[in-house]
Amino acid sequence: MSPSDFKTQAVHISSWVLVLLLLATPLLDQGFGFNAYNLTVPLIVFHLSFILSTPIKIEFLFYLLILLISGVLGVVMAGATPAGFFQTFYIYCVQPLAVYLICANQNDPLLFIRFISKLAIVSFLGSVYFYFVVIGLAPDLNGIFAPEFTTINGESLVIRNTSIYTNSLVASGIGLIHLCASAFMFKATGKKRYLFLLTISLFVILATLSRRAFVPAFFVCVVVFFAFSFTTKARVIVISGVALGLASIYFSSYLFLLVDRILSGLDFSGRDQSNISRLILIQQGLLIAAQEPFGSGFGTLSSIGKTHDSILESQGFLGVTESLYVGVLGEIGWFFCVPLLFLVAKFVREVGADYRLCFVYPFAIESVMGLGLLNPTVCFLFIACIFSTVSRSRATSVHSFSSNPGIGEANMVAHVKSGRIKARYSNG
């Protein structure tokens, strides 16, 4: 095995281990009191060691430079390091850089996306086990599956499924990235196994009753639906109608809860106080952003790196905005966000239509009134899928697939020979 092949294999294996550790972190922390993030640090450092030998796009270097200046300036202007500064710096800069280096040293642009889509099985089994614990058919494991509740109509308490992630919001974010990866792979290959993975990913999301993931999840489902042929669309409509009818008969109470959660997410009349409180927090965040053109500092507008009991007394903490856009705008400052916006827009335009439809747009929708990408695991998985476009052997065929899955470029298998991309068609 050549040194180059050995390096590639080491990158593949260590990246898979890193993903599994990130997914297992809530489970290990809640159930066994072990912080798995301590194990991810050596793996992150290992991938950062390739920084001098890996070509990096100038736009990404500018992105890192702008954030570095903003972060340092925030500390200087505040005269102190805000609580959560280093954790936020890790999510904004260190983790994206590590993921970029991982993807740039892989020779398969779909490696991460395939792996993440298949991990939906783990999340699904975790969701099923959660229900087994709730109804008494299985034992809880050290409090990992402790019930989490939400309110319906401001009155009834209902259980939210946390899968193995001990938190419904984290579970919904991870379920959403499973869904996006499965949708992308289906459009890329046309294989029905990815439709199955998409279906169980949707189950994971719906079981959490987390409204912020519902709209982007349905958006992805619509994208996949319109990729079907006319006959397949008709079958999906019939099957969905039958499934909905059976659910209304045998699971009517849960179906009511689900519909109520979906509709309440769009209710800003005042009946749902959680929506009103989110709007108030977003408004406060916008006021802070307007007053701080150079940013209020990393970690000042999020709960990152803070404990629930002492968050209000944390150094430099100004509040949680409940919107990723507002939080980033306030912490980094609009002066730095303007050039960042151009860099991000340029990158998004280059990644191709299916990357935008299956990854960028869903999480752009989620981020309006959600903070899913501030979770290290969700952020890592999302960036890994997006940065798969910088893989060593990425081909134009990976960027834009046929609108009919399994046809033409959608089923190309790329090969790199003498620096030229060759492709063969596959019936798989």
Protein backbone atom coordinates (compact mmCIF):
# COMPACT_ATOMS: atom_id res chain seq x y z
CA MET A 1 0.00 0.00 0.00
CA SER A 2 1.43 3.36 -1.05
CA PRO A 3 1.75 6.23 1.47
CA SER A 4 -1.04 8.06 -0.36
CA ASP A 5 -3.37 5.06 -0.11
CA PHE A 6 -2.50 4.59 3.56
CA LYS A 7 -3.27 8.24 4.26
CA THR A 8 -6.62 7.94 2.48
CA GLN A 9 -7.58 4.84 4.46
CA ALA A 10 -6.52 6.49 7.73
CA VAL A 11 -8.68 9.52 6.90
CA HIS A 12 -11.66 7.31 6.06
CA ILE A 13 -11.47 5.19 9.21
CA SER A 14 -10.79 8.07 11.59
CA SER A 15 -13.64 10.13 10.09
CA TRP A 16 -16.09 7.24 10.53
CA VAL A 17 -14.98 6.80 14.14
CA LEU A 18 -15.36 10.55 14.67
CA VAL A 19 -18.95 10.51 13.37
CA LEU A 20 -19.87 7.54 15.57
CA LEU A 21 -18.37 9.22 18.64
CA LEU A 22 -20.30 12.42 17.97
CA LEU A 23 -23.55 10.48 17.64
CA ALA A 24 -22.81 8.53 20.81
CA THR A 25 -21.82 11.58 22.87
CA PRO A 26 -25.28 12.30 24.40
CA LEU A 27 -25.79 8.62 25.19
CA LEU A 28 -22.39 8.20 26.84
CA ASP A 29 -22.67 11.48 28.74
CA GLN A 30 -26.20 10.94 30.07
CA GLY A 31 -25.96 7.22 30.69
CA PHE A 32 -22.39 6.74 31.81
CA GLY A 33 -21.12 10.21 32.73
CA PHE A 34 -18.43 10.01 30.05
CA ASN A 35 -17.75 13.01 27.82
CA ALA A 36 -17.01 11.52 24.40
CA TYR A 37 -15.95 14.94 23.11
CA ASN A 38 -12.64 14.26 24.90
CA LEU A 39 -12.06 11.40 22.47
CA THR A 40 -12.95 13.50 19.43
CA VAL A 41 -10.19 16.05 20.17
CA PRO A 42 -7.28 13.76 19.13
CA LEU A 43 -9.13 12.84 15.94
CA ILE A 44 -9.79 16.49 15.12
CA VAL A 45 -6.10 17.28 15.74
CA PHE A 46 -5.13 14.35 13.51
CA HIS A 47 -7.10 15.79 10.61
CA LEU A 48 -5.87 19.33 11.27
CA SER A 49 -2.33 18.00 10.84
CA PHE A 50 -2.98 17.79 7.09
CA ILE A 51 -3.45 21.54 6.80
CA LEU A 52 -0.02 22.18 5.25
CA SER A 53 -0.29 19.38 2.70
CA THR A 54 -3.88 19.99 1.59
CA PRO A 55 -4.89 22.63 -0.96
CA ILE A 56 -7.51 24.96 0.52
CA LYS A 57 -9.70 27.28 -1.48
CA ILE A 58 -8.88 30.94 -1.01
CA GLU A 59 -12.55 31.70 -0.26
CA PHE A 60 -12.50 29.32 2.69
CA LEU A 61 -9.31 30.87 4.01
CA PHE A 62 -10.96 34.30 3.83
CA TYR A 63 -13.95 32.86 5.70
CA LEU A 64 -11.68 31.67 8.51
CA LEU A 65 -9.74 34.94 8.57
CA ILE A 66 -12.89 37.07 8.86
CA LEU A 67 -14.19 34.94 11.74
CA LEU A 68 -10.82 35.02 13.48
CA ILE A 69 -10.69 38.82 13.30
CA SER A 70 -14.28 39.08 14.55
CA GLY A 71 -13.62 36.72 17.45
CA VAL A 72 -10.44 38.48 18.59
CA LEU A 73 -12.00 41.93 18.20
CA GLY A 74 -14.98 40.84 20.29
CA VAL A 75 -12.71 39.81 23.16
CA VAL A 76 -10.66 43.01 22.92
CA MET A 77 -13.73 45.27 22.90
CA ALA A 78 -15.37 43.41 25.78
CA GLY A 79 -12.17 43.31 27.81
CA ALA A 80 -12.93 39.69 28.74
CA THR A 81 -13.53 36.31 27.18
CA PRO A 82 -17.29 35.55 27.13
CA ALA A 83 -18.52 32.23 28.46
CA GLY A 84 -18.79 29.78 25.58
CA PHE A 85 -16.25 31.68 23.46
CA PHE A 86 -13.97 28.72 22.79
CA GLN A 87 -16.85 26.29 22.16
CA THR A 88 -18.37 28.74 19.67
CA PHE A 89 -14.99 29.30 18.02
CA TYR A 90 -14.74 25.52 17.66
CA ILE A 91 -18.12 25.34 15.87
CA TYR A 92 -17.51 28.42 13.70
CA CYS A 93 -13.89 27.73 12.70
CA VAL A 94 -12.11 24.63 14.00
CA GLN A 95 -14.73 22.03 13.13
CA PRO A 96 -15.39 23.36 9.59
CA LEU A 97 -11.64 23.41 8.94
CA ALA A 98 -11.22 19.84 10.18
CA VAL A 99 -14.17 18.63 8.07
CA TYR A 100 -12.81 20.46 5.02
CA LEU A 101 -9.47 18.69 5.42
CA ILE A 102 -11.21 15.33 5.89
CA CYS A 103 -13.25 15.74 2.72
CA ALA A 104 -10.35 17.15 0.71
CA ASN A 105 -8.30 14.02 1.49
CA GLN A 106 -11.00 11.57 0.45
CA ASN A 107 -11.28 10.09 -3.02
CA ASP A 108 -15.01 9.38 -2.86
CA PRO A 109 -17.26 12.48 -2.81
CA LEU A 110 -20.28 10.46 -1.66
CA LEU A 111 -18.54 8.57 1.14
CA PHE A 112 -19.82 10.73 4.00
CA ILE A 113 -23.29 11.12 2.55
CA ARG A 114 -23.78 7.36 2.15
CA PHE A 115 -22.52 6.71 5.67
CA ILE A 116 -24.75 9.39 7.23
CA SER A 117 -27.83 8.15 5.38
CA LYS A 118 -27.26 4.56 6.58
CA LEU A 119 -26.85 5.71 10.19
CA ALA A 120 -30.57 6.55 10.06
CA ILE A 121 -31.10 2.91 11.04
CA VAL A 122 -29.34 3.57 14.37
CA SER A 123 -31.48 6.64 15.10
CA PHE A 124 -34.64 4.75 14.10
CA LEU A 125 -33.86 1.80 16.39
CA GLY A 126 -33.17 4.30 19.18
CA SER A 127 -36.60 5.88 18.62
CA VAL A 128 -38.32 2.49 18.67
CA TYR A 129 -36.50 1.50 21.85
CA PHE A 130 -37.57 4.78 23.46
CA TYR A 131 -41.23 3.82 22.96
CA PHE A 132 -40.53 0.34 24.32
CA VAL A 133 -39.15 1.95 27.48
CA VAL A 134 -42.16 4.30 27.78
CA ILE A 135 -44.72 1.48 27.57
CA GLY A 136 -42.67 -0.77 29.85
CA LEU A 137 -41.52 -3.39 27.35
CA ALA A 138 -37.82 -2.60 27.76
CA PRO A 139 -35.62 -1.35 30.61
CA ASP A 140 -34.17 2.13 30.67
CA LEU A 141 -30.39 2.28 30.54
CA ASN A 142 -29.08 4.61 33.23
CA GLY A 143 -31.70 7.27 32.52
CA ILE A 144 -30.80 7.59 28.82
CA PHE A 145 -34.45 7.35 27.77
CA ALA A 146 -35.92 9.62 30.40
CA PRO A 147 -39.24 11.06 29.15
CA GLU A 148 -39.26 14.58 27.72
CA PHE A 149 -42.53 16.47 27.52
CA THR A 150 -44.09 19.29 25.57
CA THR A 151 -47.51 20.93 25.76
CA ILE A 152 -50.42 20.73 23.35
CA ASN A 153 -52.83 23.69 23.30
CA GLY A 154 -50.98 24.98 26.34
CA GLU A 155 -52.63 22.28 28.44
CA SER A 156 -51.91 18.61 27.70
CA LEU A 157 -48.44 17.20 28.34
CA VAL A 158 -47.21 14.79 25.65
CA ILE A 159 -44.02 12.76 25.37
CA ARG A 160 -41.35 13.72 22.83
CA ASN A 161 -39.14 10.95 21.48
CA THR A 162 -35.43 11.58 22.04
CA SER A 163 -34.12 8.41 20.35
CA ILE A 164 -30.62 7.77 21.78
CA TYR A 165 -29.74 11.46 21.89
CA THR A 166 -31.37 12.35 25.26
CA ASN A 167 -32.84 15.52 23.73
CA SER A 168 -35.66 15.83 21.21
CA LEU A 169 -34.19 18.90 19.49
CA VAL A 170 -30.86 17.15 18.91
CA ALA A 171 -32.71 14.02 17.72
CA SER A 172 -34.73 16.06 15.23
CA GLY A 173 -31.61 17.79 13.89
CA ILE A 174 -29.79 14.49 13.41
CA GLY A 175 -32.93 12.96 11.88
CA LEU A 176 -33.09 15.86 9.44
CA ILE A 177 -29.52 15.33 8.24
CA HIS A 178 -30.28 11.60 7.83
CA LEU A 179 -33.30 12.57 5.74
CA CYS A 180 -31.31 15.01 3.60
CA ALA A 181 -28.52 12.49 2.98
CA SER A 182 -31.00 9.74 2.08
CA ALA A 183 -32.85 12.05 -0.33
CA PHE A 184 -29.60 13.07 -1.99
CA MET A 185 -28.45 9.46 -2.39
CA PHE A 186 -31.81 8.46 -3.84
CA LYS A 187 -31.59 11.24 -6.41
CA ALA A 188 -28.00 10.20 -7.11
CA THR A 189 -28.57 6.48 -7.53
CA GLY A 190 -32.30 5.80 -7.79
CA LYS A 191 -31.89 2.88 -5.38
CA LYS A 192 -34.96 2.06 -3.31
CA ARG A 193 -32.92 1.38 -0.17
CA TYR A 194 -32.49 5.13 0.19
CA LEU A 195 -36.25 5.61 0.05
CA PHE A 196 -36.48 3.22 3.00
CA LEU A 197 -33.81 5.20 4.86
CA LEU A 198 -35.66 8.44 4.03
CA THR A 199 -38.88 6.97 5.43
CA ILE A 200 -37.38 5.91 8.76
CA SER A 201 -35.58 9.27 9.01
CA LEU A 202 -38.94 10.98 8.65
CA PHE A 203 -40.29 8.76 11.42
CA VAL A 204 -37.44 9.85 13.71
CA ILE A 205 -38.22 13.52 13.04
CA LEU A 206 -41.97 13.21 13.50
CA ALA A 207 -41.55 11.19 16.70
CA THR A 208 -39.64 14.06 18.31
CA LEU A 209 -42.63 16.44 17.81
CA SER A 210 -40.00 19.10 17.11
CA ARG A 211 -41.71 21.70 14.94
CA ARG A 212 -38.55 23.41 13.74
CA ALA A 213 -37.61 20.27 11.77
CA PHE A 214 -41.06 19.59 10.29
CA VAL A 215 -41.08 22.22 7.54
CA PRO A 216 -37.59 21.45 6.17
CA ALA A 217 -38.36 17.71 6.35
CA PHE A 218 -41.53 18.15 4.30
CA PHE A 219 -39.57 20.33 1.86
CA VAL A 220 -37.13 17.48 1.28
CA CYS A 221 -39.98 15.01 0.83
CA VAL A 222 -41.53 17.28 -1.81
CA VAL A 223 -38.17 17.49 -3.63
CA VAL A 224 -37.97 13.70 -3.74
CA PHE A 225 -41.63 13.38 -4.75
CA PHE A 226 -41.15 15.55 -7.82
CA ALA A 227 -38.16 13.43 -8.83
CA PHE A 228 -40.48 10.43 -9.23
CA SER A 229 -42.02 9.36 -12.51
CA PHE A 230 -45.77 9.93 -12.95
CA THR A 231 -46.54 6.29 -12.12
CA THR A 232 -44.44 6.35 -8.97
CA LYS A 233 -46.05 9.61 -7.88
CA ALA A 234 -49.47 7.97 -8.19
CA ARG A 235 -48.31 5.01 -6.12
CA VAL A 236 -46.88 7.27 -3.42
CA ILE A 237 -50.14 9.21 -3.20
CA VAL A 238 -52.17 6.00 -2.87
CA ILE A 239 -49.81 4.44 -0.31
CA SER A 240 -49.69 7.69 1.70
CA GLY A 241 -53.47 7.92 1.67
CA VAL A 242 -53.83 4.33 2.90
CA ALA A 243 -51.19 4.89 5.60
CA LEU A 244 -52.91 8.09 6.74
CA GLY A 245 -56.26 6.30 6.88
CA LEU A 246 -54.84 3.45 8.98
CA ALA A 247 -53.11 5.94 11.26
CA SER A 248 -56.37 7.82 11.79
CA ILE A 249 -57.99 4.55 12.88
CA TYR A 250 -55.30 2.93 15.01
CA PHE A 251 -53.20 5.91 16.08
CA SER A 252 -55.74 8.72 16.04
CA SER A 253 -54.49 10.34 19.26
CA TYR A 254 -50.91 10.51 18.05
CA LEU A 255 -52.02 11.76 14.64
CA PHE A 256 -53.93 14.55 16.37
CA LEU A 257 -50.83 15.49 18.35
CA LEU A 258 -48.76 15.53 15.18
CA VAL A 259 -51.22 17.70 13.26
CA ASP A 260 -51.52 20.07 16.23
CA ARG A 261 -47.75 20.45 16.43
CA ILE A 262 -47.52 21.15 12.71
CA LEU A 263 -50.27 23.77 12.75
CA SER A 264 -49.12 25.37 15.99
CA GLY A 265 -45.74 26.01 14.42
CA LEU A 266 -47.47 28.44 12.08
CA ASP A 267 -49.68 30.01 14.75
CA PHE A 268 -48.56 33.51 15.78
CA SER A 269 -51.95 34.65 17.05
CA GLY A 270 -50.86 34.46 20.67
CA ARG A 271 -52.51 31.15 21.49
CA ASP A 272 -49.10 29.47 21.28
CA GLN A 273 -46.90 31.43 23.67
CA SER A 274 -43.73 29.60 22.62
CA ASN A 275 -43.96 31.14 19.13
CA ILE A 276 -44.51 34.60 20.59
CA SER A 277 -41.57 34.20 22.95
CA ARG A 278 -39.37 33.18 20.00
CA LEU A 279 -40.38 36.31 18.09
CA ILE A 280 -39.57 38.45 21.12
CA LEU A 281 -36.13 36.84 21.49
CA ILE A 282 -35.45 37.30 17.77
CA GLN A 283 -36.44 40.96 18.04
CA GLN A 284 -34.10 41.44 20.99
CA GLY A 285 -31.31 39.75 19.05
CA LEU A 286 -31.84 42.08 16.09
CA LEU A 287 -31.63 45.11 18.40
CA ILE A 288 -28.32 43.85 19.79
CA ALA A 289 -27.05 43.23 16.25
CA ALA A 290 -28.01 46.77 15.24
CA GLN A 291 -26.14 48.22 18.23
CA GLU A 292 -23.03 46.04 17.72
CA PRO A 293 -21.80 46.43 14.12
CA PHE A 294 -18.58 44.54 14.97
CA GLY A 295 -20.40 41.87 16.94
CA SER A 296 -21.12 41.24 20.60
CA GLY A 297 -18.60 38.39 20.73
CA PHE A 298 -18.62 34.63 20.24
CA GLY A 299 -20.93 32.82 22.64
CA THR A 300 -22.82 35.88 23.86
CA LEU A 301 -26.08 35.07 22.08
CA SER A 302 -26.31 31.30 22.55
CA SER A 303 -26.31 28.69 25.30
CA ILE A 304 -23.14 27.04 23.96
CA GLY A 305 -20.66 26.27 26.71
CA LYS A 306 -23.06 27.21 29.51
CA THR A 307 -24.97 25.17 32.06
CA HIS A 308 -28.72 25.42 32.49
CA ASP A 309 -28.46 26.49 36.12
CA SER A 310 -25.91 29.28 35.69
CA ILE A 311 -26.55 30.51 32.15
CA LEU A 312 -27.98 33.88 33.25
CA GLU A 313 -24.89 34.61 35.35
CA SER A 314 -22.45 33.58 32.62
CA GLN A 315 -19.76 36.06 31.59
CA GLY A 316 -20.94 38.24 28.68
CA PHE A 317 -24.20 36.34 28.11
CA LEU A 318 -26.86 38.55 26.49
CA GLY A 319 -29.58 36.00 25.69
CA VAL A 320 -30.57 33.27 23.25
CA THR A 321 -31.98 34.50 19.94
CA GLU A 322 -33.81 31.28 18.87
CA SER A 323 -32.67 31.98 15.29
CA LEU A 324 -29.32 30.97 13.84
CA TYR A 325 -29.28 33.93 11.47
CA VAL A 326 -29.91 36.48 14.20
CA GLY A 327 -27.46 34.82 16.59
CA VAL A 328 -24.65 34.76 14.04
CA LEU A 329 -25.41 38.32 12.94
CA GLY A 330 -25.32 39.55 16.53
CA GLU A 331 -22.20 37.65 17.62
CA ILE A 332 -20.10 38.28 14.51
CA GLY A 333 -21.51 41.70 13.59
CA TRP A 334 -23.04 42.87 10.33
CA PHE A 335 -19.73 44.49 9.34
CA PHE A 336 -18.17 41.02 9.09
CA CYS A 337 -21.34 39.21 8.03
CA VAL A 338 -21.59 41.13 4.74
CA PRO A 339 -18.37 39.68 3.24
CA LEU A 340 -19.18 36.28 4.81
CA LEU A 341 -22.54 36.32 3.06
CA PHE A 342 -20.86 36.81 -0.33
CA LEU A 343 -18.40 33.98 0.34
CA VAL A 344 -21.12 31.59 1.46
CA ALA A 345 -23.36 32.55 -1.47
CA LYS A 346 -20.50 31.91 -3.91
CA PHE A 347 -19.86 28.48 -2.42
CA VAL A 348 -23.54 27.54 -2.40
CA ARG A 349 -23.88 28.56 -6.04
CA GLU A 350 -20.98 26.28 -6.96
CA VAL A 351 -22.05 23.10 -5.15
CA GLY A 352 -24.80 22.18 -7.60
CA ALA A 353 -28.59 22.05 -7.65
CA ASP A 354 -29.10 18.79 -5.74
CA TYR A 355 -26.78 19.81 -2.91
CA ARG A 356 -28.80 23.00 -2.57
CA LEU A 357 -32.16 21.22 -2.69
CA CYS A 358 -31.26 18.38 -0.34
CA PHE A 359 -28.95 20.11 2.15
CA VAL A 360 -28.66 23.90 1.89
CA TYR A 361 -32.32 24.89 1.55
CA PRO A 362 -33.68 22.54 4.26
CA PHE A 363 -31.23 23.78 6.88
CA ALA A 364 -31.65 27.36 5.67
CA ILE A 365 -35.36 26.94 6.48
CA GLU A 366 -34.62 25.30 9.84
CA SER A 367 -32.28 28.13 10.81
CA VAL A 368 -34.97 30.81 10.51
CA MET A 369 -36.40 29.84 13.90
CA GLY A 370 -34.00 27.09 14.92
CA LEU A 371 -30.48 26.54 16.21
CA GLY A 372 -29.84 23.01 14.97
CA LEU A 373 -26.52 23.87 13.33
CA LEU A 374 -25.10 25.11 16.64
CA ASN A 375 -25.13 21.55 17.92
CA PRO A 376 -21.63 20.12 17.27
CA THR A 377 -22.92 16.78 15.96
CA VAL A 378 -25.55 18.24 13.62
CA CYS A 379 -23.08 20.89 12.45
CA PHE A 380 -20.38 18.30 11.75
CA LEU A 381 -22.70 16.03 9.75
CA PHE A 382 -24.14 18.94 7.74
CA ILE A 383 -20.73 20.40 6.87
CA ALA A 384 -19.41 16.93 5.98
CA CYS A 385 -22.19 16.53 3.42
CA ILE A 386 -21.68 20.00 1.95
CA PHE A 387 -17.88 19.78 1.88
CA SER A 388 -18.01 16.44 0.07
CA THR A 389 -17.84 18.65 -3.02
CA VAL A 390 -14.14 19.33 -2.30
CA SER A 391 -13.25 15.63 -2.46
CA ARG A 392 -10.15 14.89 -4.53
CA SER A 393 -12.11 13.01 -7.18
CA ARG A 394 -15.28 15.07 -7.31
CA ALA A 395 -16.79 15.18 -10.76
CA THR A 396 -19.28 17.52 -12.35
CA SER A 397 -21.65 14.57 -12.49
CA VAL A 398 -21.87 14.51 -8.71
CA HIS A 399 -23.04 18.12 -8.57
CA SER A 400 -26.12 18.05 -10.71
CA PHE A 401 -28.13 14.93 -11.29
CA SER A 402 -30.87 14.14 -13.72
CA SER A 403 -34.35 15.01 -12.52
CA ASN A 404 -35.12 11.33 -13.02
CA PRO A 405 -33.18 9.30 -10.42
CA GLY A 406 -31.18 6.38 -11.74
CA ILE A 407 -30.91 7.83 -15.26
CA GLY A 408 -27.90 9.31 -17.02
CA GLU A 409 -25.49 11.30 -14.89
CA ALA A 410 -27.34 10.30 -11.73
CA ASN A 411 -25.84 6.81 -11.96
CA MET A 412 -22.33 7.67 -13.07
CA VAL A 413 -19.43 6.12 -11.24
CA ALA A 414 -16.51 8.51 -11.37
CA HIS A 415 -12.94 7.30 -11.83
CA VAL A 416 -9.80 9.36 -11.73
CA LYS A 417 -7.09 8.33 -14.19
CA SER A 418 -4.14 10.51 -15.09
CA GLY A 419 -5.90 13.50 -13.62
CA ARG A 420 -8.88 13.17 -15.95
CA ILE A 421 -12.39 12.25 -14.88
CA LYS A 422 -13.78 9.25 -16.73
CA ALA A 423 -17.18 7.79 -16.10
CA ARG A 424 -18.98 4.56 -16.72
CA TYR A 425 -22.68 3.95 -16.46
CA SER A 426 -23.96 1.59 -13.80
CA ASN A 427 -27.26 -0.23 -13.62
CA GLY A 428 -26.92 -0.68 -9.84
